[in-house]
Protein backbone atom coordinates (compact mmCIF):
# COMPACT_ATOMS: atom_id res chain seq x y z
CA UNK A 1 156.28 90.71 64.79
CA UNK A 2 155.19 87.18 65.64
CA UNK A 3 154.45 85.21 62.50
CA UNK A 4 152.19 82.15 62.70
CA UNK A 5 151.72 79.94 59.66
CA UNK A 6 148.52 77.91 59.55
CA UNK A 7 148.98 74.28 58.45
CA UNK A 8 146.19 74.71 55.91
CA UNK A 9 148.30 77.34 54.17
CA UNK A 10 150.48 74.58 52.71
CA UNK A 11 147.69 72.36 51.39
CA UNK A 12 147.36 74.22 48.08
CA UNK A 13 150.44 76.44 47.93
CA UNK A 14 151.12 77.20 44.26
CA UNK A 15 154.47 78.32 42.85
CA UNK A 16 153.63 82.03 43.10
CA UNK A 17 152.50 81.72 46.73
CA UNK A 18 155.50 79.59 47.59
CA UNK A 19 157.78 82.31 46.23
CA UNK A 20 155.87 84.93 48.27
CA UNK A 21 156.27 82.86 51.44
CA UNK A 22 159.95 82.46 50.74
CA UNK A 23 160.35 86.24 50.37
CA UNK A 24 158.43 86.76 53.61
CA UNK A 25 160.81 84.45 55.46
CA UNK A 26 163.82 86.05 53.81
CA UNK A 27 162.84 89.23 55.61
CA UNK A 28 163.10 87.22 58.81
CA UNK A 29 166.67 86.41 57.87
CA UNK A 30 167.50 89.98 56.95
CA UNK A 31 165.89 91.48 60.05
CA UNK A 32 166.58 88.59 62.37
CA UNK A 33 166.49 90.77 65.47
CA UNK A 34 163.13 92.22 64.48
CA UNK A 35 160.99 89.50 62.91
CA UNK A 36 160.12 86.31 64.77
CA UNK A 37 158.67 83.15 63.28
CA UNK A 38 156.45 81.09 65.58
CA UNK A 39 154.99 78.07 63.79
CA UNK A 40 151.79 76.53 65.10
CA UNK A 41 152.10 73.28 67.01
CA UNK A 42 151.05 71.04 64.13
CA UNK A 43 153.88 72.44 62.01
CA UNK A 44 156.70 71.59 64.38
CA UNK A 45 156.60 67.87 63.60
CA UNK A 46 159.20 66.78 61.06
CA UNK A 47 156.41 65.24 58.97
CA UNK A 48 154.35 68.43 59.13
CA UNK A 49 153.29 70.46 56.12
CA UNK A 50 155.64 73.31 56.96
CA UNK A 51 158.65 71.02 57.33
CA UNK A 52 157.86 69.31 54.05
CA UNK A 53 157.79 72.72 52.38
CA UNK A 54 161.14 73.54 53.97
CA UNK A 55 162.56 70.28 52.61
CA UNK A 56 161.91 71.60 49.10
CA UNK A 57 163.72 74.90 49.73
CA UNK A 58 167.26 73.55 49.74
CA UNK A 59 169.86 75.57 51.62
CA UNK A 60 167.34 78.30 52.42
CA UNK A 61 165.14 75.76 54.19
CA UNK A 62 168.08 74.64 56.34
CA UNK A 63 168.80 78.22 57.37
CA UNK A 64 165.18 78.68 58.42
CA UNK A 65 165.33 75.45 60.43
CA UNK A 66 168.40 76.73 62.24
CA UNK A 67 166.58 79.92 63.14
CA UNK A 68 163.63 77.96 64.47
CA UNK A 69 165.98 75.93 66.64
CA UNK A 70 167.25 79.05 68.43
CA UNK A 71 165.52 79.34 71.77
CA UNK A 72 164.94 83.08 71.39
CA UNK A 73 162.71 82.41 68.40
CA UNK A 74 160.48 79.89 70.12
CA UNK A 75 157.08 81.02 71.30
CA UNK A 76 157.70 79.99 74.88
CA UNK A 77 160.64 82.37 75.16
CA UNK A 78 158.99 85.40 73.59
CA UNK A 79 158.32 88.22 76.05
CA UNK A 80 154.63 88.76 76.63
CA UNK A 81 153.27 92.23 75.99
CA UNK A 82 150.63 93.35 78.43
CA UNK A 83 148.35 95.88 76.74
CA UNK A 84 147.41 98.68 79.08
CA UNK A 85 145.51 101.92 79.27
CA UNK A 86 145.66 104.92 81.57
CA UNK A 87 142.68 107.12 80.77
CA UNK A 88 143.67 110.57 79.48
CA UNK A 89 147.34 109.59 79.56
CA UNK A 90 148.33 106.65 77.34
CA UNK A 91 147.34 103.39 75.70
CA UNK A 92 149.70 100.50 75.00
CA UNK A 93 148.68 98.22 72.14
CA UNK A 94 149.67 94.54 72.03
CA UNK A 95 152.62 93.29 70.02
CA UNK A 96 151.99 92.32 66.42
CA UNK A 97 150.86 88.69 66.38
CA UNK A 98 150.02 87.67 62.81
CA UNK A 99 148.39 84.46 61.62
CA UNK A 100 148.81 83.71 57.91
CA UNK A 101 146.17 81.42 56.46
CA UNK A 102 144.37 80.76 53.16
CA UNK A 103 141.41 83.13 53.09
CA UNK A 104 139.73 85.31 50.46
CA UNK A 105 140.60 88.54 52.27
CA UNK A 106 142.37 89.61 55.43
CA UNK A 107 140.70 90.22 58.78
CA UNK A 108 142.87 93.15 59.84
CA UNK A 109 141.46 93.80 63.35
CA UNK A 110 142.31 90.21 64.37
CA UNK A 111 145.51 90.11 62.25
CA UNK A 112 144.43 86.96 60.40
CA UNK A 113 145.94 87.77 57.04
CA UNK A 114 146.40 86.49 53.55
CA UNK A 115 149.94 85.67 52.54
CA UNK A 116 150.10 88.76 50.33
CA UNK A 117 148.91 91.10 53.10
CA UNK A 118 151.30 89.54 55.63
CA UNK A 119 154.14 90.12 53.19
CA UNK A 120 153.10 93.78 52.78
CA UNK A 121 152.76 94.25 56.55
CA UNK A 122 156.27 92.86 57.05
CA UNK A 123 157.58 95.45 54.58
CA UNK A 124 155.59 98.35 56.07
CA UNK A 125 157.86 100.81 57.92
CA UNK A 126 157.24 101.84 61.50
CA UNK A 127 155.25 105.11 61.54
CA UNK A 128 156.29 107.28 64.48
CA UNK A 129 154.05 110.33 64.79
CA UNK A 130 155.41 113.24 66.79
CA UNK A 131 154.71 116.92 67.19
CA UNK A 132 158.38 117.60 66.40
CA UNK A 133 160.03 114.96 64.21
CA UNK A 134 163.54 116.34 64.87
CA UNK A 135 163.70 116.75 68.66
CA UNK A 136 161.12 114.27 69.98
CA UNK A 137 162.92 111.17 68.60
CA UNK A 138 166.15 112.35 70.26
CA UNK A 139 164.32 112.77 73.56
CA UNK A 140 162.92 109.23 73.30
CA UNK A 141 166.38 107.85 72.52
CA UNK A 142 167.77 109.40 75.70
CA UNK A 143 165.03 107.73 77.73
CA UNK A 144 166.25 104.32 76.53
CA UNK A 145 168.76 102.08 78.21
CA UNK A 146 172.09 102.02 76.28
CA UNK A 147 171.30 98.72 74.53
CA UNK A 148 167.84 99.89 73.48
CA UNK A 149 169.31 103.21 72.37
CA UNK A 150 171.66 101.32 70.05
CA UNK A 151 168.75 99.24 68.74
CA UNK A 152 166.76 102.40 68.05
CA UNK A 153 169.72 103.94 66.25
CA UNK A 154 170.16 100.85 64.07
CA UNK A 155 166.46 100.75 63.33
CA UNK A 156 166.18 104.41 62.36
CA UNK A 157 169.34 104.32 60.24
CA UNK A 158 168.23 101.26 58.27
CA UNK A 159 166.62 102.01 54.89
CA UNK A 160 162.81 102.18 54.82
CA UNK A 161 162.37 100.87 58.36
CA UNK A 162 161.10 103.98 60.16
CA UNK A 163 159.09 106.97 58.97
CA UNK A 164 159.07 110.02 61.26
CA UNK A 165 155.95 112.17 60.92
CA UNK A 166 155.87 115.71 62.30
CA UNK A 167 153.64 118.73 61.82
CA UNK A 168 152.76 119.60 65.41
CA UNK A 169 149.50 118.75 67.14
CA UNK A 170 147.73 120.07 64.05
CA UNK A 171 149.37 117.44 61.86
CA UNK A 172 148.45 114.61 64.23
CA UNK A 173 144.91 115.93 64.54
CA UNK A 174 144.39 116.11 60.76
CA UNK A 175 145.58 112.51 60.39
CA UNK A 176 143.25 111.28 63.16
CA UNK A 177 140.27 113.25 61.85
CA UNK A 178 140.71 111.68 58.44
CA UNK A 179 140.59 108.20 59.99
CA UNK A 180 137.53 109.04 62.10
CA UNK A 181 135.65 110.34 59.04
CA UNK A 182 136.21 107.13 57.06
CA UNK A 183 133.37 104.62 57.29
CA UNK A 184 135.84 101.79 56.71
CA UNK A 185 139.60 101.68 56.42
CA UNK A 186 141.32 100.47 53.27
CA UNK A 187 143.89 97.67 53.61
CA UNK A 188 146.60 100.32 53.26
CA UNK A 189 145.17 102.35 56.16
CA UNK A 190 144.80 99.23 58.30
CA UNK A 191 148.31 98.00 57.56
CA UNK A 192 149.82 101.37 58.43
CA UNK A 193 147.75 101.74 61.59
CA UNK A 194 149.13 98.45 62.93
CA UNK A 195 152.63 99.94 62.49
CA UNK A 196 151.80 103.27 64.17
CA UNK A 197 153.04 104.81 67.44
CA UNK A 198 152.05 108.34 68.55
CA UNK A 199 153.56 110.80 71.06
CA UNK A 200 152.42 114.30 72.00
CA UNK A 201 152.79 116.81 74.84
CA UNK A 202 150.19 117.54 77.50
CA UNK A 203 150.88 121.29 77.23
CA UNK A 204 148.68 123.44 79.51
CA UNK A 205 145.02 124.29 79.99
CA UNK A 206 143.66 127.82 79.61
CA UNK A 207 143.11 128.38 83.32
CA UNK A 208 145.28 125.71 84.96
CA UNK A 209 148.74 124.80 83.66
CA UNK A 210 148.48 121.38 85.32
CA UNK A 211 145.64 120.25 83.05
CA UNK A 212 145.99 119.24 79.38
CA UNK A 213 145.50 121.82 76.68
CA UNK A 214 142.35 121.60 74.58
CA UNK A 215 144.50 120.40 71.66
CA UNK A 216 145.94 117.54 73.71
CA UNK A 217 142.47 116.67 75.01
CA UNK A 218 141.25 116.51 71.41
CA UNK A 219 144.12 114.22 70.40
CA UNK A 220 143.44 111.78 73.25
CA UNK A 221 139.74 111.68 72.35
CA UNK A 222 140.45 111.19 68.65
CA UNK A 223 142.95 108.38 69.29
CA UNK A 224 140.32 106.48 71.26
CA UNK A 225 137.64 107.19 68.64
CA UNK A 226 139.81 105.72 65.87
CA UNK A 227 140.49 102.58 67.92
CA UNK A 228 136.83 102.15 68.89
CA UNK A 229 135.51 102.73 65.35
CA UNK A 230 137.96 100.62 63.36
CA UNK A 231 139.03 97.99 65.90
CA UNK A 232 142.78 98.38 65.35
CA UNK A 233 144.70 99.34 68.49
CA UNK A 234 147.77 101.52 68.31
CA UNK A 235 149.97 102.93 71.04
CA UNK A 236 149.53 106.60 71.87
CA UNK A 237 151.33 108.50 74.62
CA UNK A 238 150.53 111.90 76.11
CA UNK A 239 153.50 113.04 78.19
CA UNK A 240 152.27 113.74 81.70
CA UNK A 241 154.58 116.62 82.35
CA UNK A 242 153.94 119.73 80.29
CA UNK A 243 156.47 119.06 77.50
CA UNK A 244 159.76 117.27 76.86
CA UNK A 245 161.63 120.25 78.32
CA UNK A 246 159.88 119.52 81.64
CA UNK A 247 162.18 116.49 81.96
CA UNK A 248 165.39 118.56 81.93
CA UNK A 249 167.33 116.97 84.84
CA UNK A 250 168.24 118.64 88.10
CA UNK A 251 171.85 118.57 86.94
CA UNK A 252 171.11 121.29 84.37
CA UNK A 253 173.15 124.32 85.35
CA UNK A 254 171.77 127.03 83.11
CA UNK A 255 172.30 128.00 79.50
CA UNK A 256 173.37 131.62 79.65
CA UNK A 257 169.83 132.97 80.05
CA UNK A 258 169.79 135.61 82.77
CA UNK A 259 168.45 134.26 86.05
CA UNK A 260 168.35 130.64 84.86
CA UNK A 261 170.48 129.37 87.75
CA UNK A 262 168.09 130.90 90.28
CA UNK A 263 165.08 129.52 88.41
CA UNK A 264 166.55 126.02 88.28
CA UNK A 265 167.21 126.17 92.01
CA UNK A 266 163.51 126.79 92.61
CA UNK A 267 162.48 123.98 90.25
CA UNK A 268 164.83 121.51 91.95
CA UNK A 269 163.31 122.43 95.30
CA UNK A 270 159.78 122.02 93.94
CA UNK A 271 160.59 118.61 92.43
CA UNK A 272 161.70 117.34 95.84
CA UNK A 273 158.46 118.39 97.56
CA UNK A 274 155.29 116.32 96.99
CA UNK A 275 153.17 119.45 97.47
CA UNK A 276 155.09 121.33 94.76
CA UNK A 277 155.95 118.67 92.19
CA UNK A 278 152.97 119.54 90.00
CA UNK A 279 154.17 123.16 89.95
CA UNK A 280 157.54 122.01 88.60
CA UNK A 281 156.02 119.64 86.03
CA UNK A 282 153.58 122.30 84.79
CA UNK A 283 156.10 125.17 84.54
CA UNK A 284 156.78 126.44 81.01
CA UNK A 285 160.52 125.79 80.76
CA UNK A 286 160.90 127.74 77.53
CA UNK A 287 158.81 130.87 78.17
CA UNK A 288 158.54 130.86 81.95
CA UNK A 289 155.52 132.49 83.56
CA UNK A 290 155.10 134.59 80.42
CA UNK A 291 153.67 131.41 78.89
CA UNK A 292 150.94 131.13 81.54
CA UNK A 293 149.01 134.37 81.45
CA UNK A 294 145.27 134.07 81.99
CA UNK A 295 142.93 134.74 79.06
CA UNK A 296 141.34 138.14 78.87
CA UNK A 297 144.33 140.40 79.49
CA UNK A 298 144.43 143.40 77.20
CA UNK A 299 146.88 143.32 74.31
CA UNK A 300 148.71 146.25 75.86
CA UNK A 301 149.13 144.46 79.18
CA UNK A 302 150.26 141.25 77.45
CA UNK A 303 152.86 143.27 75.51
CA UNK A 304 154.12 144.93 78.69
CA UNK A 305 154.61 141.58 80.42
CA UNK A 306 156.29 139.99 77.41
CA UNK A 307 158.70 142.93 77.08
CA UNK A 308 159.68 142.93 80.75
CA UNK A 309 162.75 141.12 82.08
CA UNK A 310 162.24 141.96 85.75
CA UNK A 311 158.64 143.07 86.36
CA UNK A 312 156.52 139.93 86.88
CA UNK A 313 152.77 139.76 86.27
CA UNK A 314 150.48 140.05 89.26
CA UNK A 315 149.23 136.84 90.80
CA UNK A 316 145.72 137.27 89.38
CA UNK A 317 147.23 137.57 85.88
CA UNK A 318 148.58 134.01 86.07
CA UNK A 319 147.00 130.58 85.68
CA UNK A 320 146.83 128.05 88.45
CA UNK A 321 148.96 126.87 90.20
CA UNK A 322 151.19 129.94 89.88
CA UNK A 323 148.85 132.76 90.93
CA UNK A 324 149.70 132.33 94.64
CA UNK A 325 153.47 132.62 94.21
CA UNK A 326 155.14 135.49 96.01
CA UNK A 327 156.47 138.37 93.92
CA UNK A 328 160.14 137.43 94.23
CA UNK A 329 159.46 133.88 92.99
CA UNK A 330 157.37 135.26 90.13
CA UNK A 331 160.26 137.52 89.18
CA UNK A 332 162.79 134.68 89.14
CA UNK A 333 160.52 132.42 87.10
CA UNK A 334 159.34 135.16 84.72
CA UNK A 335 161.44 134.44 81.61
CA UNK A 336 162.14 130.70 81.53
CA UNK A 337 165.17 129.15 79.84
CA UNK A 338 164.53 129.88 76.16
CA UNK A 339 163.63 127.65 73.20
CA UNK A 340 167.01 125.87 73.20
CA UNK A 341 166.91 124.62 76.79
CA UNK A 342 166.73 121.02 75.56
CA UNK A 343 166.66 121.14 71.76
CA UNK A 344 170.25 122.32 71.44
CA UNK A 345 171.79 119.82 73.92
CA UNK A 346 169.92 116.96 72.21
CA UNK A 347 171.83 117.67 69.00
CA UNK A 348 175.09 119.00 70.44
CA UNK A 349 178.23 117.10 69.43
CA UNK A 350 179.52 117.66 72.98
CA UNK A 351 176.86 116.00 75.10
CA UNK A 352 176.47 117.73 78.48
CA UNK A 353 176.85 115.40 81.46
CA UNK A 354 173.41 116.26 82.80
CA UNK A 355 171.68 114.87 79.69
CA UNK A 356 172.54 111.35 80.85
CA UNK A 357 170.26 111.94 83.85
CA UNK A 358 167.14 112.46 81.75
CA UNK A 359 165.93 108.85 82.10
CA UNK A 360 166.18 109.12 85.88
CA UNK A 361 164.27 112.40 85.80
CA UNK A 362 161.48 110.77 83.78
CA UNK A 363 161.25 107.96 86.34
CA UNK A 364 160.58 110.48 89.14
CA UNK A 365 157.02 110.95 87.95
CA UNK A 366 154.21 111.58 87.83
CA UNK A 367 153.20 108.06 88.83
CA UNK A 368 150.42 107.76 86.23
CA UNK A 369 152.66 108.47 83.23
CA UNK A 370 153.59 105.62 80.86
CA UNK A 371 156.43 103.70 82.60
CA UNK A 372 159.65 104.50 80.80
CA UNK A 373 160.82 100.98 79.91
CA UNK A 374 157.33 99.99 78.80
CA UNK A 375 157.22 103.13 76.66
CA UNK A 376 160.42 102.11 74.87
CA UNK A 377 159.29 98.51 74.47
CA UNK A 378 155.98 99.67 73.03
CA UNK A 379 157.90 101.08 70.05
CA UNK A 380 159.57 97.73 69.39
CA UNK A 381 156.15 96.04 69.80
CA UNK A 382 155.08 97.79 66.58
CA UNK A 383 157.85 96.12 64.56
């Protein structure tokens, strides 16, 4: 969070406001690796209004001066965040850049805030919205470089710094629908939206497993509707492989599920072939081809396929791109790897070696997904 203090703020700063400003800056001291103070140019002069206020703060003022003297806290050295958008895939919002100035009420879309609202925004936790609040954060942590992984761990273990929301796609959709229905957002809604980051799976379309599910399509549309209607950008990410399990690395050697070694061999081969990569990324790692039956099959036929361990569905009973697979390949890929293919290793006290390869696997594609390092940085941009 970049904090800019307008010179006019100090022209009529009463005792109550001065105390509020002091508490705001104390948060900078407490979360020194999170909050950044960037004074405007007119406040850097020793005779400036900000410096005169610091002179009256005693030892606390000296500590703030020392922080301002550190190169990493100067505006010129702050990394620039390039907002970006890949239609139907992701949107990256800019970093929080807050100007505090004397005004009757805050302009939240432009982040020109009153002192009281800036103080509340600084205290607002980071709202991470996932489908699965237990496994998805672990997946994100494994995508991070070791230093960023440590920073994430420190952030999530600190009191009242991060709030993990779950509830599946339905929970995310209900939250977005509520925001779309509102004619105007309250200051509380606006403050929280500036601290929000959203992640969900692409899943699979009804007829083609390579396309997003209708639920994921709805979420992408709703995210953009909220941003367009209320003018507050937030980062949302739709994973461009089917689900987090789709990023299980090539080094995975099976989990005891019958036939999993053979199935993984096929997936590794597909991943190495440009003409088959989409097959690998769209495959249902948990349920196998049983998760990609076309609509319209009778309940009896669905039950027969689900009960079978060796008899695969016919090609015309499968979605694209799997309907043209030969029978032997359909047999091998029938059952998948089970629900614990990634969830269990993510929480296992004995981390399997292959889990360390998950960041590399993410980097292999598809090319239009949110770049991994930018994805991780976009979380810190919300702080």
